[in-house]
Amino acid sequence: QAVAEIESSLQASRLPLSQVRLMAVDLLLELFKGASVWAQEWSRIHREKKAFYYDKINRMQTIAEIMDLLRSLVDSLGQFMTDENASQRGEVIDEVTAYIEEHFAEHGLSLQDIGEYVHMNPIYLSVLFKKKKNITFTGFLLQVRMKKAMEMLRCQDLKTYEVAERTGYSSPEYFGSCFKKYTGLSPVEFRNKG
C-alpha cells in the first residue's frame, strides 16, 4: 500500500525520470537498512543482488516499472517475514507440546501456567495451539494423560488412585470418569481386558 501511495504521488508530481530513479534507489537502501535489522536472512540473500537492482532501476523507462520492482521486493520481504513468524510460532507450539508431555502429571496444569512459561498470552496461545495441532490445549492434555494412564494400567501394578495421581488428577473419581469417557471402559475394566 505504501508503494502504491508513493507511485501515485510520483505520477502526480511529474518529476523527471532521473529523479524518480534516485528516489527509488534511496527507497531500496532504506528497505535494505530496515531488513538488516528485522529480516537478516532476507537481507543477506538480497544484499548480493543490490548492484543488479540499481542497474535495473537505471535502465527502467517508466515510473510503473520502477515501482513494480520495489513492490516485488516489498512483497518478497513481507512473505519472508510471514513465513519466519509462522516458523517461530510453530517452534513455540512444539515447545508447549514438549512441556505438556513432560509436566502432564502436575495437578492443575493450566494454559495460564504454560503461557507464562513461553511468555505468551494464554488466549493467543490457545488459538495458536488449536490452529497448529488441530486439538484444543485441554483436549491435548487429556489425550497425553489418558495415554500415560493406559500405559500404567497395562504395565504396572498400580492402584487406580495411584494412576490418577501420577497422571495429574487429585480425584480418583474424576480420573475414572475422564478415563471412561476417553476409552469407553473404566480403569479396572481396561486393566482386566488388557
N, C-alpha and C. Protein backbone atom coordinates (compact mmCIF):
# COMPACT_ATOMS: atom_id res chain seq x y z
N GLN A 1 0.84 -1.18 0.00
CA GLN A 1 0.00 0.00 0.00
C GLN A 1 0.88 1.25 0.00
N ALA A 2 1.95 1.24 0.78
CA ALA A 2 2.86 2.38 0.82
C ALA A 2 3.49 2.61 -0.56
N VAL A 3 3.86 1.53 -1.24
CA VAL A 3 4.45 1.66 -2.58
C VAL A 3 3.43 2.25 -3.54
N ALA A 4 2.17 1.83 -3.43
CA ALA A 4 1.11 2.36 -4.30
C ALA A 4 0.92 3.86 -4.05
N GLU A 5 0.98 4.27 -2.78
CA GLU A 5 0.84 5.69 -2.46
C GLU A 5 2.02 6.50 -3.01
N ILE A 6 3.22 5.96 -2.88
CA ILE A 6 4.40 6.64 -3.42
C ILE A 6 4.29 6.75 -4.93
N GLU A 7 3.88 5.67 -5.58
CA GLU A 7 3.73 5.68 -7.03
C GLU A 7 2.71 6.73 -7.46
N SER A 8 1.61 6.80 -6.74
CA SER A 8 0.56 7.77 -7.05
C SER A 8 1.09 9.20 -6.95
N SER A 9 1.81 9.48 -5.87
CA SER A 9 2.33 10.85 -5.70
C SER A 9 3.42 11.16 -6.72
N LEU A 10 4.22 10.18 -7.11
CA LEU A 10 5.24 10.40 -8.13
C LEU A 10 4.61 10.66 -9.49
N GLN A 11 3.56 9.93 -9.81
CA GLN A 11 2.85 10.13 -11.08
C GLN A 11 2.29 11.55 -11.14
N ALA A 12 1.74 12.01 -10.01
CA ALA A 12 1.13 13.34 -9.96
C ALA A 12 2.18 14.46 -9.98
N SER A 13 3.37 14.19 -9.46
CA SER A 13 4.40 15.24 -9.33
C SER A 13 5.09 15.58 -10.65
N ARG A 14 5.07 14.68 -11.58
CA ARG A 14 5.70 14.88 -12.89
C ARG A 14 7.21 15.16 -12.77
N LEU A 15 7.84 14.47 -11.82
CA LEU A 15 9.30 14.59 -11.67
C LEU A 15 9.98 13.93 -12.86
N PRO A 16 11.17 14.41 -13.19
CA PRO A 16 11.92 13.73 -14.26
C PRO A 16 12.26 12.30 -13.83
N LEU A 17 12.35 11.41 -14.79
CA LEU A 17 12.62 10.00 -14.51
C LEU A 17 13.95 9.82 -13.76
N SER A 18 14.93 10.67 -14.05
CA SER A 18 16.22 10.56 -13.36
C SER A 18 16.04 10.78 -11.85
N GLN A 19 15.17 11.71 -11.46
CA GLN A 19 14.91 11.95 -10.03
C GLN A 19 14.15 10.79 -9.41
N VAL A 20 13.21 10.25 -10.16
CA VAL A 20 12.43 9.10 -9.68
C VAL A 20 13.38 7.92 -9.45
N ARG A 21 14.33 7.74 -10.35
CA ARG A 21 15.30 6.66 -10.18
C ARG A 21 16.11 6.84 -8.90
N LEU A 22 16.56 8.09 -8.64
CA LEU A 22 17.31 8.37 -7.41
C LEU A 22 16.46 8.09 -6.18
N MET A 23 15.21 8.50 -6.22
CA MET A 23 14.31 8.23 -5.09
C MET A 23 14.12 6.73 -4.90
N ALA A 24 14.02 6.00 -6.00
CA ALA A 24 13.84 4.54 -5.92
C ALA A 24 15.07 3.89 -5.29
N VAL A 25 16.25 4.37 -5.66
CA VAL A 25 17.48 3.84 -5.07
C VAL A 25 17.51 4.14 -3.57
N ASP A 26 17.09 5.37 -3.19
CA ASP A 26 17.01 5.73 -1.77
C ASP A 26 16.04 4.80 -1.03
N LEU A 27 14.88 4.56 -1.64
CA LEU A 27 13.90 3.65 -1.03
C LEU A 27 14.48 2.24 -0.89
N LEU A 28 15.19 1.81 -1.91
CA LEU A 28 15.82 0.50 -1.89
C LEU A 28 16.83 0.41 -0.74
N LEU A 29 17.64 1.47 -0.58
CA LEU A 29 18.61 1.50 0.51
C LEU A 29 17.92 1.44 1.87
N GLU A 30 16.83 2.18 2.03
CA GLU A 30 16.07 2.17 3.29
C GLU A 30 15.47 0.79 3.55
N LEU A 31 14.98 0.17 2.50
CA LEU A 31 14.40 -1.17 2.63
C LEU A 31 15.46 -2.16 3.13
N PHE A 32 16.63 -2.11 2.53
CA PHE A 32 17.72 -3.00 2.96
C PHE A 32 18.20 -2.67 4.36
N LYS A 33 18.23 -1.38 4.68
CA LYS A 33 18.67 -0.96 6.02
C LYS A 33 17.71 -1.51 7.08
N GLY A 34 16.41 -1.36 6.86
CA GLY A 34 15.42 -1.89 7.80
C GLY A 34 15.47 -3.41 7.87
N ALA A 35 15.59 -4.03 6.70
CA ALA A 35 15.60 -5.50 6.66
C ALA A 35 16.82 -6.07 7.37
N SER A 36 17.92 -5.33 7.36
CA SER A 36 19.12 -5.84 8.03
C SER A 36 18.91 -5.95 9.54
N VAL A 37 17.92 -5.21 10.06
CA VAL A 37 17.61 -5.27 11.49
C VAL A 37 16.59 -6.36 11.79
N TRP A 38 15.45 -6.40 11.04
CA TRP A 38 14.38 -7.32 11.40
C TRP A 38 14.14 -8.46 10.43
N ALA A 39 14.98 -8.59 9.40
CA ALA A 39 14.87 -9.74 8.49
C ALA A 39 16.26 -10.02 7.93
N GLN A 40 17.15 -10.38 8.82
CA GLN A 40 18.57 -10.51 8.46
C GLN A 40 18.82 -11.54 7.35
N GLU A 41 18.13 -12.65 7.39
CA GLU A 41 18.34 -13.69 6.37
C GLU A 41 17.89 -13.18 5.00
N TRP A 42 16.74 -12.52 4.94
CA TRP A 42 16.26 -11.95 3.68
C TRP A 42 17.27 -10.92 3.17
N SER A 43 17.73 -10.08 4.08
CA SER A 43 18.70 -9.03 3.73
C SER A 43 19.98 -9.66 3.17
N ARG A 44 20.45 -10.71 3.81
CA ARG A 44 21.67 -11.38 3.34
C ARG A 44 21.49 -11.92 1.93
N ILE A 45 20.36 -12.56 1.68
CA ILE A 45 20.10 -13.14 0.36
C ILE A 45 20.04 -12.05 -0.71
N HIS A 46 19.35 -10.95 -0.42
CA HIS A 46 19.13 -9.90 -1.42
C HIS A 46 20.27 -8.89 -1.49
N ARG A 47 21.09 -8.82 -0.45
CA ARG A 47 22.21 -7.87 -0.43
C ARG A 47 23.13 -8.12 -1.63
N GLU A 48 23.34 -9.39 -1.96
CA GLU A 48 24.21 -9.75 -3.07
C GLU A 48 23.66 -9.26 -4.41
N LYS A 49 22.36 -8.96 -4.45
CA LYS A 49 21.72 -8.52 -5.69
C LYS A 49 21.56 -7.00 -5.77
N LYS A 50 22.09 -6.26 -4.80
CA LYS A 50 21.92 -4.80 -4.79
C LYS A 50 22.35 -4.16 -6.10
N ALA A 51 23.54 -4.49 -6.56
CA ALA A 51 24.06 -3.88 -7.81
C ALA A 51 23.11 -4.20 -8.97
N PHE A 52 22.59 -5.41 -9.00
CA PHE A 52 21.64 -5.81 -10.04
C PHE A 52 20.40 -4.91 -9.99
N TYR A 53 19.86 -4.68 -8.77
CA TYR A 53 18.67 -3.84 -8.63
C TYR A 53 18.96 -2.39 -9.05
N TYR A 54 20.10 -1.85 -8.63
CA TYR A 54 20.46 -0.48 -9.00
C TYR A 54 20.54 -0.35 -10.52
N ASP A 55 21.22 -1.31 -11.14
CA ASP A 55 21.37 -1.29 -12.59
C ASP A 55 20.00 -1.38 -13.27
N LYS A 56 19.18 -2.25 -12.76
CA LYS A 56 17.85 -2.45 -13.34
C LYS A 56 17.02 -1.16 -13.25
N ILE A 57 17.08 -0.50 -12.08
CA ILE A 57 16.35 0.76 -11.90
C ILE A 57 16.83 1.80 -12.91
N ASN A 58 18.14 1.88 -13.11
CA ASN A 58 18.70 2.86 -14.03
C ASN A 58 18.34 2.60 -15.49
N ARG A 59 17.98 1.36 -15.83
CA ARG A 59 17.58 1.04 -17.20
C ARG A 59 16.08 1.14 -17.42
N MET A 60 15.31 1.26 -16.35
CA MET A 60 13.85 1.30 -16.49
C MET A 60 13.41 2.64 -17.08
N GLN A 61 12.32 2.56 -17.85
CA GLN A 61 11.88 3.74 -18.60
C GLN A 61 10.59 4.37 -18.08
N THR A 62 9.95 3.73 -17.10
CA THR A 62 8.71 4.31 -16.56
C THR A 62 8.68 4.20 -15.05
N ILE A 63 7.88 5.08 -14.45
CA ILE A 63 7.67 5.04 -13.00
C ILE A 63 7.03 3.71 -12.62
N ALA A 64 6.09 3.25 -13.44
CA ALA A 64 5.39 1.99 -13.15
C ALA A 64 6.37 0.82 -13.07
N GLU A 65 7.35 0.77 -13.99
CA GLU A 65 8.35 -0.32 -13.96
C GLU A 65 9.16 -0.27 -12.67
N ILE A 66 9.58 0.94 -12.31
CA ILE A 66 10.39 1.11 -11.10
C ILE A 66 9.59 0.70 -9.86
N MET A 67 8.35 1.13 -9.80
CA MET A 67 7.50 0.80 -8.66
C MET A 67 7.18 -0.69 -8.60
N ASP A 68 7.05 -1.32 -9.77
CA ASP A 68 6.81 -2.77 -9.79
C ASP A 68 7.99 -3.53 -9.18
N LEU A 69 9.22 -3.07 -9.48
CA LEU A 69 10.40 -3.70 -8.89
C LEU A 69 10.39 -3.52 -7.37
N LEU A 70 10.13 -2.29 -6.92
CA LEU A 70 10.09 -2.04 -5.48
C LEU A 70 8.98 -2.84 -4.81
N ARG A 71 7.83 -2.90 -5.47
CA ARG A 71 6.69 -3.67 -4.94
C ARG A 71 7.05 -5.15 -4.81
N SER A 72 7.75 -5.68 -5.80
CA SER A 72 8.11 -7.10 -5.74
C SER A 72 9.08 -7.36 -4.58
N LEU A 73 9.99 -6.42 -4.33
CA LEU A 73 10.92 -6.58 -3.20
C LEU A 73 10.18 -6.48 -1.87
N VAL A 74 9.26 -5.52 -1.76
CA VAL A 74 8.48 -5.37 -0.53
C VAL A 74 7.62 -6.61 -0.30
N ASP A 75 7.00 -7.12 -1.38
CA ASP A 75 6.20 -8.35 -1.26
C ASP A 75 7.05 -9.53 -0.82
N SER A 76 8.26 -9.63 -1.40
CA SER A 76 9.17 -10.70 -1.04
C SER A 76 9.55 -10.61 0.43
N LEU A 77 9.85 -9.41 0.90
CA LEU A 77 10.20 -9.20 2.31
C LEU A 77 9.01 -9.54 3.21
N GLY A 78 7.81 -9.09 2.81
CA GLY A 78 6.60 -9.39 3.59
C GLY A 78 6.35 -10.88 3.69
N GLN A 79 6.51 -11.60 2.58
CA GLN A 79 6.30 -13.05 2.59
C GLN A 79 7.34 -13.74 3.46
N PHE A 80 8.59 -13.26 3.38
CA PHE A 80 9.66 -13.82 4.21
C PHE A 80 9.31 -13.67 5.69
N MET A 81 8.85 -12.47 6.07
CA MET A 81 8.54 -12.22 7.48
C MET A 81 7.34 -13.04 7.93
N THR A 82 6.35 -13.21 7.06
CA THR A 82 5.20 -14.04 7.38
C THR A 82 5.64 -15.49 7.62
N ASP A 83 6.48 -16.00 6.72
CA ASP A 83 6.97 -17.37 6.85
C ASP A 83 7.82 -17.52 8.12
N GLU A 84 8.64 -16.52 8.39
CA GLU A 84 9.51 -16.55 9.57
C GLU A 84 8.66 -16.57 10.85
N ASN A 85 7.62 -15.74 10.86
CA ASN A 85 6.70 -15.69 12.01
C ASN A 85 6.02 -17.03 12.22
N ALA A 86 5.55 -17.63 11.13
CA ALA A 86 4.88 -18.93 11.23
C ALA A 86 5.83 -19.98 11.78
N SER A 87 7.07 -19.92 11.32
CA SER A 87 8.08 -20.87 11.79
C SER A 87 8.32 -20.70 13.29
N GLN A 88 8.44 -19.45 13.73
CA GLN A 88 8.67 -19.20 15.16
C GLN A 88 7.47 -19.63 16.00
N ARG A 89 6.26 -19.38 15.49
CA ARG A 89 5.07 -19.80 16.22
C ARG A 89 5.02 -21.33 16.31
N GLY A 90 5.41 -21.99 15.22
CA GLY A 90 5.46 -23.45 15.23
C GLY A 90 6.43 -23.97 16.28
N GLU A 91 7.56 -23.27 16.42
CA GLU A 91 8.56 -23.68 17.42
C GLU A 91 7.99 -23.52 18.83
N VAL A 92 7.22 -22.46 19.07
CA VAL A 92 6.60 -22.25 20.38
C VAL A 92 5.63 -23.38 20.68
N ILE A 93 4.83 -23.76 19.71
CA ILE A 93 3.85 -24.84 19.92
C ILE A 93 4.58 -26.17 20.16
N ASP A 94 5.69 -26.38 19.48
CA ASP A 94 6.49 -27.59 19.74
C ASP A 94 7.02 -27.57 21.17
N GLU A 95 7.42 -26.39 21.62
CA GLU A 95 7.92 -26.24 23.00
C GLU A 95 6.79 -26.50 24.00
N VAL A 96 5.60 -25.99 23.70
CA VAL A 96 4.43 -26.20 24.57
C VAL A 96 4.08 -27.68 24.62
N THR A 97 4.10 -28.33 23.46
CA THR A 97 3.79 -29.77 23.40
C THR A 97 4.77 -30.56 24.26
N ALA A 98 6.04 -30.26 24.13
CA ALA A 98 7.06 -30.95 24.93
C ALA A 98 6.85 -30.68 26.42
N TYR A 99 6.49 -29.45 26.75
CA TYR A 99 6.26 -29.08 28.16
C TYR A 99 5.09 -29.90 28.72
N ILE A 100 4.00 -29.99 27.96
CA ILE A 100 2.84 -30.76 28.41
C ILE A 100 3.21 -32.23 28.61
N GLU A 101 3.94 -32.78 27.66
CA GLU A 101 4.32 -34.20 27.76
C GLU A 101 5.25 -34.46 28.94
N GLU A 102 6.00 -33.44 29.34
CA GLU A 102 6.91 -33.60 30.48
C GLU A 102 6.22 -33.33 31.82
N HIS A 103 5.22 -32.43 31.82
CA HIS A 103 4.60 -31.98 33.08
C HIS A 103 3.13 -32.41 33.22
N PHE A 104 2.70 -33.37 32.42
CA PHE A 104 1.29 -33.79 32.43
C PHE A 104 0.82 -34.22 33.83
N ALA A 105 1.72 -34.70 34.67
CA ALA A 105 1.35 -35.24 35.98
C ALA A 105 1.12 -34.15 37.02
N GLU A 106 1.41 -32.90 36.69
CA GLU A 106 1.22 -31.82 37.65
C GLU A 106 -0.27 -31.53 37.81
N HIS A 107 -0.74 -31.52 39.05
CA HIS A 107 -2.14 -31.20 39.33
C HIS A 107 -2.41 -29.75 38.94
N GLY A 108 -3.51 -29.51 38.26
CA GLY A 108 -3.91 -28.14 37.92
C GLY A 108 -3.08 -27.50 36.82
N LEU A 109 -2.35 -28.28 36.03
CA LEU A 109 -1.59 -27.72 34.92
C LEU A 109 -2.55 -26.95 34.02
N SER A 110 -2.25 -25.68 33.77
CA SER A 110 -3.20 -24.85 33.02
C SER A 110 -2.52 -24.13 31.86
N LEU A 111 -3.35 -23.63 30.99
CA LEU A 111 -2.88 -22.83 29.87
C LEU A 111 -2.19 -21.57 30.38
N GLN A 112 -2.69 -21.05 31.49
CA GLN A 112 -2.07 -19.87 32.13
C GLN A 112 -0.62 -20.18 32.51
N ASP A 113 -0.39 -21.33 33.12
CA ASP A 113 0.97 -21.74 33.51
C ASP A 113 1.88 -21.83 32.29
N ILE A 114 1.37 -22.46 31.25
CA ILE A 114 2.17 -22.67 30.06
C ILE A 114 2.40 -21.35 29.34
N GLY A 115 1.38 -20.48 29.33
CA GLY A 115 1.54 -19.14 28.74
C GLY A 115 2.66 -18.38 29.41
N GLU A 116 2.72 -18.47 30.73
CA GLU A 116 3.81 -17.81 31.48
C GLU A 116 5.15 -18.45 31.12
N TYR A 117 5.17 -19.76 30.97
CA TYR A 117 6.41 -20.47 30.65
C TYR A 117 6.98 -20.02 29.30
N VAL A 118 6.10 -19.84 28.30
CA VAL A 118 6.58 -19.44 26.95
C VAL A 118 6.43 -17.94 26.71
N HIS A 119 6.06 -17.21 27.76
CA HIS A 119 5.92 -15.74 27.67
C HIS A 119 4.93 -15.33 26.58
N MET A 120 3.74 -15.91 26.65
CA MET A 120 2.73 -15.64 25.64
C MET A 120 1.36 -15.53 26.30
N ASN A 121 0.53 -14.67 25.79
CA ASN A 121 -0.83 -14.51 26.28
C ASN A 121 -1.56 -15.85 26.16
N PRO A 122 -2.18 -16.34 27.24
CA PRO A 122 -2.83 -17.66 27.19
C PRO A 122 -3.94 -17.76 26.15
N ILE A 123 -4.68 -16.67 25.93
CA ILE A 123 -5.76 -16.72 24.94
C ILE A 123 -5.18 -16.87 23.54
N TYR A 124 -4.14 -16.08 23.25
CA TYR A 124 -3.48 -16.18 21.94
C TYR A 124 -2.85 -17.56 21.79
N LEU A 125 -2.22 -18.03 22.85
CA LEU A 125 -1.59 -19.35 22.83
C LEU A 125 -2.63 -20.44 22.54
N SER A 126 -3.79 -20.31 23.14
CA SER A 126 -4.87 -21.28 22.93
C SER A 126 -5.27 -21.34 21.46
N VAL A 127 -5.44 -20.18 20.85
CA VAL A 127 -5.83 -20.10 19.43
C VAL A 127 -4.73 -20.69 18.56
N LEU A 128 -3.50 -20.32 18.84
CA LEU A 128 -2.35 -20.79 18.08
C LEU A 128 -2.21 -22.31 18.20
N PHE A 129 -2.38 -22.82 19.42
CA PHE A 129 -2.26 -24.25 19.68
C PHE A 129 -3.29 -25.02 18.86
N LYS A 130 -4.53 -24.56 18.91
CA LYS A 130 -5.62 -25.22 18.18
C LYS A 130 -5.35 -25.20 16.68
N LYS A 131 -4.86 -24.07 16.19
CA LYS A 131 -4.58 -23.92 14.76
C LYS A 131 -3.47 -24.87 14.32
N LYS A 132 -2.44 -24.98 15.10
CA LYS A 132 -1.27 -25.80 14.73
C LYS A 132 -1.52 -27.29 14.96
N LYS A 133 -2.18 -27.66 16.07
CA LYS A 133 -2.32 -29.07 16.45
C LYS A 133 -3.68 -29.67 16.08
N ASN A 134 -4.63 -28.83 15.69
CA ASN A 134 -6.00 -29.30 15.40
C ASN A 134 -6.66 -29.97 16.59
N ILE A 135 -6.28 -29.53 17.77
CA ILE A 135 -6.88 -30.02 19.02
C ILE A 135 -6.71 -28.90 20.05
N THR A 136 -7.65 -28.78 20.96
CA THR A 136 -7.51 -27.74 21.98
C THR A 136 -6.42 -28.14 22.98
N PHE A 137 -5.96 -27.16 23.73
CA PHE A 137 -4.98 -27.43 24.79
C PHE A 137 -5.53 -28.47 25.75
N THR A 138 -6.78 -28.29 26.20
CA THR A 138 -7.41 -29.20 27.15
C THR A 138 -7.52 -30.60 26.56
N GLY A 139 -7.93 -30.67 25.30
CA GLY A 139 -8.05 -31.96 24.62
C GLY A 139 -6.71 -32.67 24.51
N PHE A 140 -5.67 -31.89 24.21
CA PHE A 140 -4.33 -32.48 24.10
C PHE A 140 -3.83 -32.96 25.44
N LEU A 141 -4.02 -32.16 26.49
CA LEU A 141 -3.60 -32.56 27.83
C LEU A 141 -4.33 -33.84 28.25
N LEU A 142 -5.62 -33.90 27.99
CA LEU A 142 -6.40 -35.11 28.30
C LEU A 142 -5.84 -36.31 27.54
N GLN A 143 -5.56 -36.12 26.27
CA GLN A 143 -5.03 -37.20 25.44
C GLN A 143 -3.69 -37.72 26.00
N VAL A 144 -2.80 -36.81 26.35
CA VAL A 144 -1.50 -37.21 26.91
C VAL A 144 -1.70 -37.97 28.22
N ARG A 145 -2.55 -37.42 29.08
CA ARG A 145 -2.78 -38.06 30.38
C ARG A 145 -3.40 -39.45 30.22
N MET A 146 -4.36 -39.57 29.32
CA MET A 146 -5.04 -40.86 29.13
C MET A 146 -4.09 -41.90 28.54
N LYS A 147 -3.26 -41.49 27.60
CA LYS A 147 -2.29 -42.45 27.02
C LYS A 147 -1.32 -42.93 28.09
N LYS A 148 -0.87 -42.01 28.94
CA LYS A 148 0.05 -42.40 30.03
C LYS A 148 -0.67 -43.31 31.01
N ALA A 149 -1.93 -42.99 31.30
CA ALA A 149 -2.72 -43.82 32.23
C ALA A 149 -2.89 -45.23 31.65
N MET A 150 -3.16 -45.32 30.37
CA MET A 150 -3.32 -46.65 29.75
C MET A 150 -2.02 -47.45 29.84
N GLU A 151 -0.89 -46.78 29.60
CA GLU A 151 0.41 -47.45 29.73
C GLU A 151 0.60 -47.98 31.16
N MET A 152 0.29 -47.14 32.14
CA MET A 152 0.46 -47.53 33.54
C MET A 152 -0.45 -48.69 33.91
N LEU A 153 -1.69 -48.64 33.43
CA LEU A 153 -2.64 -49.71 33.76
C LEU A 153 -2.24 -51.03 33.10
N ARG A 154 -1.62 -50.97 31.93
CA ARG A 154 -1.20 -52.18 31.23
C ARG A 154 0.07 -52.78 31.85
N CYS A 155 1.01 -51.91 32.21
CA CYS A 155 2.35 -52.38 32.53
C CYS A 155 2.72 -52.36 34.00
N GLN A 156 1.96 -51.69 34.83
CA GLN A 156 2.37 -51.56 36.22
C GLN A 156 1.27 -52.05 37.14
N ASP A 157 1.68 -52.47 38.30
CA ASP A 157 0.74 -52.97 39.29
C ASP A 157 0.36 -51.82 40.23
N LEU A 158 -0.25 -50.81 39.66
CA LEU A 158 -0.64 -49.63 40.45
C LEU A 158 -2.14 -49.66 40.71
N LYS A 159 -2.52 -49.12 41.84
CA LYS A 159 -3.94 -48.94 42.14
C LYS A 159 -4.47 -47.80 41.25
N THR A 160 -5.78 -47.79 41.03
CA THR A 160 -6.38 -46.75 40.20
C THR A 160 -6.10 -45.35 40.76
N TYR A 161 -6.17 -45.19 42.07
CA TYR A 161 -5.92 -43.86 42.65
C TYR A 161 -4.47 -43.44 42.44
N GLU A 162 -3.53 -44.42 42.39
CA GLU A 162 -2.12 -44.10 42.14
C GLU A 162 -1.92 -43.65 40.68
N VAL A 163 -2.60 -44.32 39.77
CA VAL A 163 -2.54 -43.91 38.37
C VAL A 163 -3.14 -42.51 38.23
N ALA A 164 -4.22 -42.26 38.91
CA ALA A 164 -4.86 -40.93 38.87
C ALA A 164 -3.86 -39.87 39.33
N GLU A 165 -3.22 -40.11 40.46
CA GLU A 165 -2.24 -39.15 41.00
C GLU A 165 -1.09 -38.93 40.03
N ARG A 166 -0.60 -40.02 39.43
CA ARG A 166 0.57 -39.93 38.55
C ARG A 166 0.25 -39.33 37.18
N THR A 167 -1.03 -39.13 36.92
CA THR A 167 -1.42 -38.51 35.65
C THR A 167 -2.07 -37.14 35.85
N GLY A 168 -1.91 -36.58 37.06
CA GLY A 168 -2.34 -35.21 37.29
C GLY A 168 -3.74 -35.02 37.84
N TYR A 169 -4.37 -36.09 38.31
CA TYR A 169 -5.73 -36.00 38.85
C TYR A 169 -5.69 -36.13 40.36
N SER A 170 -6.28 -35.17 41.05
CA SER A 170 -6.32 -35.26 42.51
C SER A 170 -7.50 -36.09 42.97
N SER A 171 -8.49 -36.27 42.10
CA SER A 171 -9.67 -37.06 42.45
C SER A 171 -9.71 -38.35 41.61
N PRO A 172 -9.61 -39.51 42.28
CA PRO A 172 -9.69 -40.77 41.54
C PRO A 172 -11.03 -40.94 40.82
N GLU A 173 -12.10 -40.39 41.42
CA GLU A 173 -13.42 -40.50 40.79
C GLU A 173 -13.46 -39.72 39.48
N TYR A 174 -12.91 -38.51 39.52
CA TYR A 174 -12.89 -37.67 38.31
C TYR A 174 -12.00 -38.34 37.25
N PHE A 175 -10.87 -38.88 37.67
CA PHE A 175 -9.98 -39.60 36.76
C PHE A 175 -10.76 -40.75 36.10
N GLY A 176 -11.48 -41.53 36.93
CA GLY A 176 -12.25 -42.67 36.41
C GLY A 176 -13.27 -42.22 35.38
N SER A 177 -13.93 -41.10 35.66
CA SER A 177 -14.94 -40.56 34.75
C SER A 177 -14.29 -40.13 33.42
N CYS A 178 -13.18 -39.43 33.50
CA CYS A 178 -12.46 -38.99 32.29
C CYS A 178 -11.97 -40.20 31.50
N PHE A 179 -11.44 -41.18 32.20
CA PHE A 179 -10.90 -42.37 31.56
C PHE A 179 -12.00 -43.12 30.81
N LYS A 180 -13.15 -43.24 31.46
CA LYS A 180 -14.27 -43.97 30.83
C LYS A 180 -14.76 -43.22 29.59
N LYS A 181 -14.84 -41.88 29.68
CA LYS A 181 -15.25 -41.10 28.50
C LYS A 181 -14.25 -41.27 27.37
N TYR A 182 -12.98 -41.33 27.71
CA TYR A 182 -11.93 -41.40 26.70
C TYR A 182 -11.83 -42.78 26.06
N THR A 183 -11.93 -43.84 26.88
CA THR A 183 -11.70 -45.20 26.37
C THR A 183 -12.97 -46.03 26.22
N GLY A 184 -14.03 -45.60 26.88
CA GLY A 184 -15.25 -46.40 26.87
C GLY A 184 -15.26 -47.47 27.96
N LEU A 185 -14.17 -47.55 28.72
CA LEU A 185 -14.05 -48.54 29.80
C LEU A 185 -13.60 -47.85 31.08
N SER A 186 -13.97 -48.43 32.21
CA SER A 186 -13.43 -47.91 33.47
C SER A 186 -11.97 -48.36 33.55
N PRO A 187 -11.15 -47.72 34.40
CA PRO A 187 -9.76 -48.17 34.55
C PRO A 187 -9.64 -49.65 34.91
N VAL A 188 -10.52 -50.15 35.78
CA VAL A 188 -10.48 -51.55 36.19
C VAL A 188 -10.82 -52.46 34.99
N GLU A 189 -11.88 -52.09 34.25
CA GLU A 189 -12.27 -52.87 33.05
C GLU A 189 -11.13 -52.88 32.02
N PHE A 190 -10.49 -51.73 31.87
CA PHE A 190 -9.40 -51.62 30.91
C PHE A 190 -8.23 -52.54 31.31
N ARG A 191 -7.90 -52.51 32.59
CA ARG A 191 -6.81 -53.36 33.10
C ARG A 191 -7.15 -54.85 32.91
N ASN A 192 -8.36 -55.22 33.27
CA ASN A 192 -8.79 -56.62 33.17
C ASN A 192 -8.85 -57.09 31.71
N LYS A 193 -9.21 -56.18 30.83
CA LYS A 193 -9.30 -56.53 29.40
C LYS A 193 -7.92 -56.75 28.81
N GLY A 194 -6.94 -55.94 29.29
CA GLY A 194 -5.59 -55.98 28.74
C GLY A 194 -4.89 -57.23 29.08
